[in-house]
Amino acid sequence: MTSNVKIIAFKELGSFFDSLTAYILMVAFLGFSGFFTWIYGGDIFIRKEADLQVFFSIAKWTLFFFIPALTMKMIAEEKKTGTIELLLTKAVSPRQLILGKFFACMMLVLITLGFTLVYYISVSQLGNVDHGATISGYLGLIFMSAAYISIGLFASSLTNNQIVAFLLALFIGIFFHFIFDVLSSSTRGMLGTLFNNLSVNEHVESISRGVIDTKDLVYFITLTLLGLYAAEWLISKKK
């Protein structure tokens, strides 16, 4: 991480906590995922299984909404206030700006997921936990988060309106999170395989089963880099 990227990343991370955004989103994420993991629906005490599968299923959907709310202001706000022009006239390149904001969002997601280790410790008191499946479940969420953050930054680069950026990120994300899944189950042949390969759920589920396949890594790295590159390209046009 270069010096400028590091400065931007920690500055943005600090701004999340200064503006209470981080606290609100973290409490919402932990409250929502905790409620469904421990109390409603997938009550772990009723199932009598020492695993976090319910949490991982809920966390996938919670992060799907959590991340666009996190990224919507990252570039859109800079464009609206005109501070992006000031940044780009200094010794900060569009790539450094995007990467700094990307790492800030990733750090906040990692901190939030870090708090859920309490769930893991609690579950491990109830029985024998499959540690491999748990680590894989977290890895799946981290890879998925990286992809959705890059999509969110791309959406935020398209507009100076935060709400529009939020809705755009959701609109793009819903194809990868839901629609490609539905299309793959209703389509056969090469097209069905293509939709299946484009589905985020398919790759998260694959990793969650404890199988770190190269195609899953290539998928998430490619999707993340495409989002970041597209965001960088849009900002470069303003320079």
Protein backbone atom coordinates (compact mmCIF):
# COMPACT_ATOMS: atom_id res chain seq x y z
CA MET A 1 0.00 0.00 0.00
CA THR A 2 1.57 3.30 -1.07
CA SER A 3 1.76 6.24 1.28
CA ASN A 4 -1.09 8.17 -0.40
CA VAL A 5 -3.34 5.10 -0.45
CA LYS A 6 -2.62 4.48 3.24
CA ILE A 7 -3.33 8.12 4.18
CA ILE A 8 -6.63 8.14 2.27
CA ALA A 9 -7.65 4.73 3.65
CA PHE A 10 -7.13 5.68 7.31
CA LYS A 11 -8.63 9.16 6.81
CA GLU A 12 -11.78 7.63 5.31
CA LEU A 13 -11.94 4.98 8.02
CA GLY A 14 -11.70 7.74 10.65
CA SER A 15 -14.45 9.72 8.90
CA PHE A 16 -16.77 6.70 9.14
CA PHE A 17 -16.44 6.76 12.93
CA ASP A 18 -16.49 10.59 13.18
CA SER A 19 -19.82 10.76 11.35
CA LEU A 20 -21.38 7.87 13.30
CA THR A 21 -21.90 6.05 9.98
CA ALA A 22 -19.72 3.19 11.16
CA TYR A 23 -21.53 2.80 14.47
CA ILE A 24 -24.99 2.82 12.87
CA LEU A 25 -24.10 0.31 10.17
CA MET A 26 -22.19 -1.95 12.56
CA VAL A 27 -25.00 -1.99 15.11
CA ALA A 28 -27.53 -2.62 12.33
CA PHE A 29 -25.45 -5.47 10.89
CA LEU A 30 -24.72 -7.11 14.24
CA GLY A 31 -28.28 -6.65 15.49
CA PHE A 32 -29.86 -8.02 12.34
CA SER A 33 -27.50 -10.98 11.89
CA GLY A 34 -27.53 -11.74 15.61
CA PHE A 35 -31.32 -11.66 15.80
CA PHE A 36 -31.74 -14.16 12.98
CA THR A 37 -28.82 -16.33 14.11
CA TRP A 38 -29.76 -16.64 17.76
CA ILE A 39 -33.44 -15.80 18.14
CA TYR A 40 -35.66 -15.97 15.07
CA GLY A 41 -35.98 -18.63 12.37
CA GLY A 42 -32.65 -20.38 12.58
CA ASP A 43 -32.52 -20.47 16.37
CA ILE A 44 -29.27 -22.29 17.02
CA PHE A 45 -30.55 -23.77 20.29
CA ILE A 46 -33.49 -25.42 18.53
CA ARG A 47 -31.34 -26.84 15.74
CA LYS A 48 -28.79 -28.12 18.29
CA GLU A 49 -25.99 -27.86 15.74
CA ALA A 50 -22.75 -26.09 16.61
CA ASP A 51 -22.21 -24.16 13.39
CA LEU A 52 -22.61 -20.67 11.96
CA GLN A 53 -24.38 -21.60 8.73
CA VAL A 54 -27.43 -19.50 9.61
CA PHE A 55 -25.23 -16.51 10.37
CA PHE A 56 -23.35 -16.83 7.06
CA SER A 57 -26.64 -17.04 5.14
CA ILE A 58 -28.02 -13.94 6.87
CA ALA A 59 -24.71 -12.06 6.64
CA LYS A 60 -24.65 -12.48 2.86
CA TRP A 61 -27.91 -10.57 2.55
CA THR A 62 -27.09 -8.06 5.28
CA LEU A 63 -23.78 -7.16 3.63
CA PHE A 64 -25.56 -6.89 0.30
CA PHE A 65 -27.49 -3.86 1.69
CA PHE A 66 -24.81 -2.74 4.16
CA ILE A 67 -22.08 -2.17 1.55
CA PRO A 68 -23.96 0.13 -0.87
CA ALA A 69 -24.89 2.27 2.15
CA LEU A 70 -21.19 2.41 2.98
CA THR A 71 -19.91 3.25 -0.51
CA MET A 72 -22.68 5.57 -1.74
CA LYS A 73 -20.99 8.76 -0.49
CA MET A 74 -17.38 7.78 -1.14
CA ILE A 75 -17.05 9.44 -4.56
CA ALA A 76 -20.49 11.01 -5.01
CA GLU A 77 -19.97 13.33 -2.02
CA GLU A 78 -16.50 14.37 -3.25
CA LYS A 79 -18.02 15.24 -6.63
CA LYS A 80 -20.91 17.15 -5.11
CA THR A 81 -18.72 19.28 -2.85
CA GLY A 82 -16.01 19.70 -5.51
CA THR A 83 -13.28 18.28 -3.27
CA ILE A 84 -12.47 15.61 -5.84
CA GLU A 85 -11.00 18.27 -8.16
CA LEU A 86 -8.84 19.57 -5.31
CA LEU A 87 -7.60 16.06 -4.54
CA LEU A 88 -6.76 15.33 -8.16
CA THR A 89 -4.83 18.58 -8.57
CA LYS A 90 -2.56 17.41 -5.75
CA ALA A 91 -0.18 14.48 -5.90
CA VAL A 92 -3.01 11.96 -5.68
CA SER A 93 -3.80 9.81 -8.69
CA PRO A 94 -7.32 8.47 -9.43
CA ARG A 95 -6.02 4.95 -8.74
CA GLN A 96 -4.67 5.94 -5.33
CA LEU A 97 -7.96 7.67 -4.50
CA ILE A 98 -10.05 4.62 -5.44
CA LEU A 99 -7.74 2.17 -3.69
CA GLY A 100 -7.66 4.31 -0.54
CA LYS A 101 -11.44 4.36 -0.37
CA PHE A 102 -11.63 0.65 -1.22
CA PHE A 103 -9.28 -0.30 1.64
CA ALA A 104 -11.17 1.99 4.06
CA CYS A 105 -14.42 0.15 3.30
CA MET A 106 -12.68 -3.24 3.53
CA MET A 107 -11.23 -2.35 6.94
CA LEU A 108 -14.67 -1.37 8.23
CA VAL A 109 -16.18 -4.63 6.94
CA LEU A 110 -13.35 -6.62 8.55
CA ILE A 111 -13.80 -4.80 11.87
CA THR A 112 -17.54 -5.52 11.73
CA LEU A 113 -16.99 -9.20 10.93
CA GLY A 114 -14.38 -9.28 13.70
CA PHE A 115 -17.12 -8.53 16.25
CA THR A 116 -19.03 -11.61 15.07
CA LEU A 117 -16.20 -13.81 16.36
CA VAL A 118 -18.20 -13.63 19.58
CA TYR A 119 -20.76 -15.81 17.79
CA TYR A 120 -18.03 -18.32 16.95
CA ILE A 121 -16.77 -18.40 20.56
CA SER A 122 -20.34 -18.85 21.84
CA VAL A 123 -21.14 -21.62 19.36
CA SER A 124 -17.90 -23.43 20.16
CA GLN A 125 -19.14 -23.74 23.76
CA LEU A 126 -22.18 -25.67 22.53
CA GLY A 127 -20.37 -28.47 20.72
CA ASN A 128 -17.68 -29.41 18.24
CA VAL A 129 -17.39 -26.69 15.63
CA ASP A 130 -16.13 -27.37 12.12
CA HIS A 131 -13.29 -24.81 12.16
CA GLY A 132 -12.54 -25.28 8.44
CA ALA A 133 -16.14 -24.56 7.46
CA THR A 134 -16.19 -21.51 9.73
CA ILE A 135 -12.97 -20.06 8.27
CA SER A 136 -14.25 -20.76 4.75
CA GLY A 137 -17.55 -19.08 5.57
CA TYR A 138 -15.72 -15.92 6.66
CA LEU A 139 -13.47 -16.02 3.58
CA GLY A 140 -16.55 -16.23 1.35
CA LEU A 141 -18.02 -13.13 3.03
CA ILE A 142 -14.72 -11.23 2.68
CA PHE A 143 -14.34 -12.01 -1.03
CA MET A 144 -17.98 -11.13 -1.64
CA SER A 145 -17.57 -7.85 0.27
CA ALA A 146 -14.52 -6.87 -1.82
CA ALA A 147 -16.53 -7.41 -5.02
CA TYR A 148 -19.54 -5.42 -3.77
CA ILE A 149 -17.35 -2.57 -2.49
CA SER A 150 -15.78 -2.22 -5.94
CA ILE A 151 -19.26 -2.20 -7.52
CA GLY A 152 -20.37 0.39 -4.94
CA LEU A 153 -17.38 2.64 -5.73
CA PHE A 154 -18.13 2.35 -9.43
CA ALA A 155 -21.78 3.34 -8.81
CA SER A 156 -20.65 6.24 -6.61
CA SER A 157 -18.33 7.43 -9.41
CA LEU A 158 -21.25 7.67 -11.82
CA THR A 159 -23.18 10.35 -9.94
CA ASN A 160 -22.94 13.13 -7.36
CA ASN A 161 -26.14 11.98 -5.65
CA GLN A 162 -25.67 9.51 -2.78
CA ILE A 163 -29.17 8.02 -3.03
CA VAL A 164 -28.75 7.41 -6.75
CA ALA A 165 -25.34 5.81 -6.04
CA PHE A 166 -26.95 3.55 -3.41
CA LEU A 167 -29.74 2.46 -5.77
CA LEU A 168 -27.33 1.94 -8.67
CA ALA A 169 -25.07 -0.28 -6.54
CA LEU A 170 -28.10 -2.31 -5.42
CA PHE A 171 -29.38 -2.57 -8.99
CA ILE A 172 -26.04 -3.89 -10.30
CA GLY A 173 -25.51 -6.07 -7.24
CA ILE A 174 -28.90 -7.75 -7.46
CA PHE A 175 -27.91 -9.29 -10.79
CA PHE A 176 -24.89 -10.98 -9.21
CA HIS A 177 -26.64 -11.74 -5.91
CA PHE A 178 -30.01 -12.97 -7.12
CA ILE A 179 -30.96 -12.69 -10.80
CA PHE A 180 -28.08 -14.76 -12.25
CA ASP A 181 -28.96 -17.44 -9.68
CA VAL A 182 -32.58 -17.53 -10.83
CA LEU A 183 -31.62 -17.50 -14.51
CA SER A 184 -29.14 -20.35 -14.04
CA SER A 185 -31.80 -22.56 -12.46
CA SER A 186 -34.30 -21.86 -15.26
CA THR A 187 -31.86 -22.11 -18.18
CA ARG A 188 -29.99 -25.13 -19.51
CA GLY A 189 -26.86 -25.61 -21.60
CA MET A 190 -24.08 -23.09 -22.04
CA LEU A 191 -26.30 -20.17 -21.08
CA GLY A 192 -27.24 -21.87 -17.81
CA THR A 193 -23.57 -22.53 -17.08
CA LEU A 194 -22.71 -18.91 -17.88
CA PHE A 195 -25.38 -17.54 -15.52
CA ASN A 196 -24.27 -20.01 -12.85
CA ASN A 197 -20.65 -18.87 -13.18
CA LEU A 198 -21.72 -15.22 -12.89
CA SER A 199 -23.66 -15.78 -9.66
CA VAL A 200 -21.96 -14.50 -6.50
CA ASN A 201 -23.98 -16.97 -4.43
CA GLU A 202 -22.60 -19.93 -6.37
CA HIS A 203 -19.00 -18.91 -5.62
CA VAL A 204 -19.67 -17.94 -1.97
CA GLU A 205 -21.40 -21.29 -1.40
CA SER A 206 -18.49 -23.10 -3.05
CA ILE A 207 -15.96 -21.40 -0.75
CA SER A 208 -18.22 -21.91 2.28
CA ARG A 209 -18.12 -25.66 1.70
CA GLY A 210 -14.40 -25.48 2.42
CA VAL A 211 -13.31 -25.76 -1.21
CA ILE A 212 -11.07 -22.85 -2.21
CA ASP A 213 -11.24 -23.40 -5.95
CA THR A 214 -9.14 -21.34 -8.37
CA LYS A 215 -12.22 -20.43 -10.40
CA ASP A 216 -13.82 -18.86 -7.28
CA LEU A 217 -10.70 -16.79 -6.60
CA VAL A 218 -10.45 -15.72 -10.25
CA TYR A 219 -14.14 -14.76 -10.24
CA PHE A 220 -13.92 -12.52 -7.17
CA ILE A 221 -10.57 -10.98 -8.09
CA THR A 222 -11.78 -10.25 -11.63
CA LEU A 223 -15.08 -8.74 -10.45
CA THR A 224 -13.30 -6.61 -7.86
CA LEU A 225 -10.64 -5.36 -10.30
CA LEU A 226 -13.25 -4.60 -12.96
CA GLY A 227 -15.25 -2.47 -10.51
CA LEU A 228 -12.16 -0.63 -9.29
CA TYR A 229 -10.82 -0.07 -12.80
CA ALA A 230 -14.19 1.24 -14.02
CA ALA A 231 -14.36 3.65 -11.07
CA GLU A 232 -10.78 4.81 -11.71
CA TRP A 233 -11.53 5.32 -15.40
CA LEU A 234 -14.57 7.48 -14.63
CA ILE A 235 -12.55 9.65 -12.25
CA SER A 236 -9.63 9.89 -14.68
CA LYS A 237 -11.95 11.48 -17.21
CA LYS A 238 -12.39 14.39 -14.81
CA LYS A 239 -8.69 14.96 -14.37
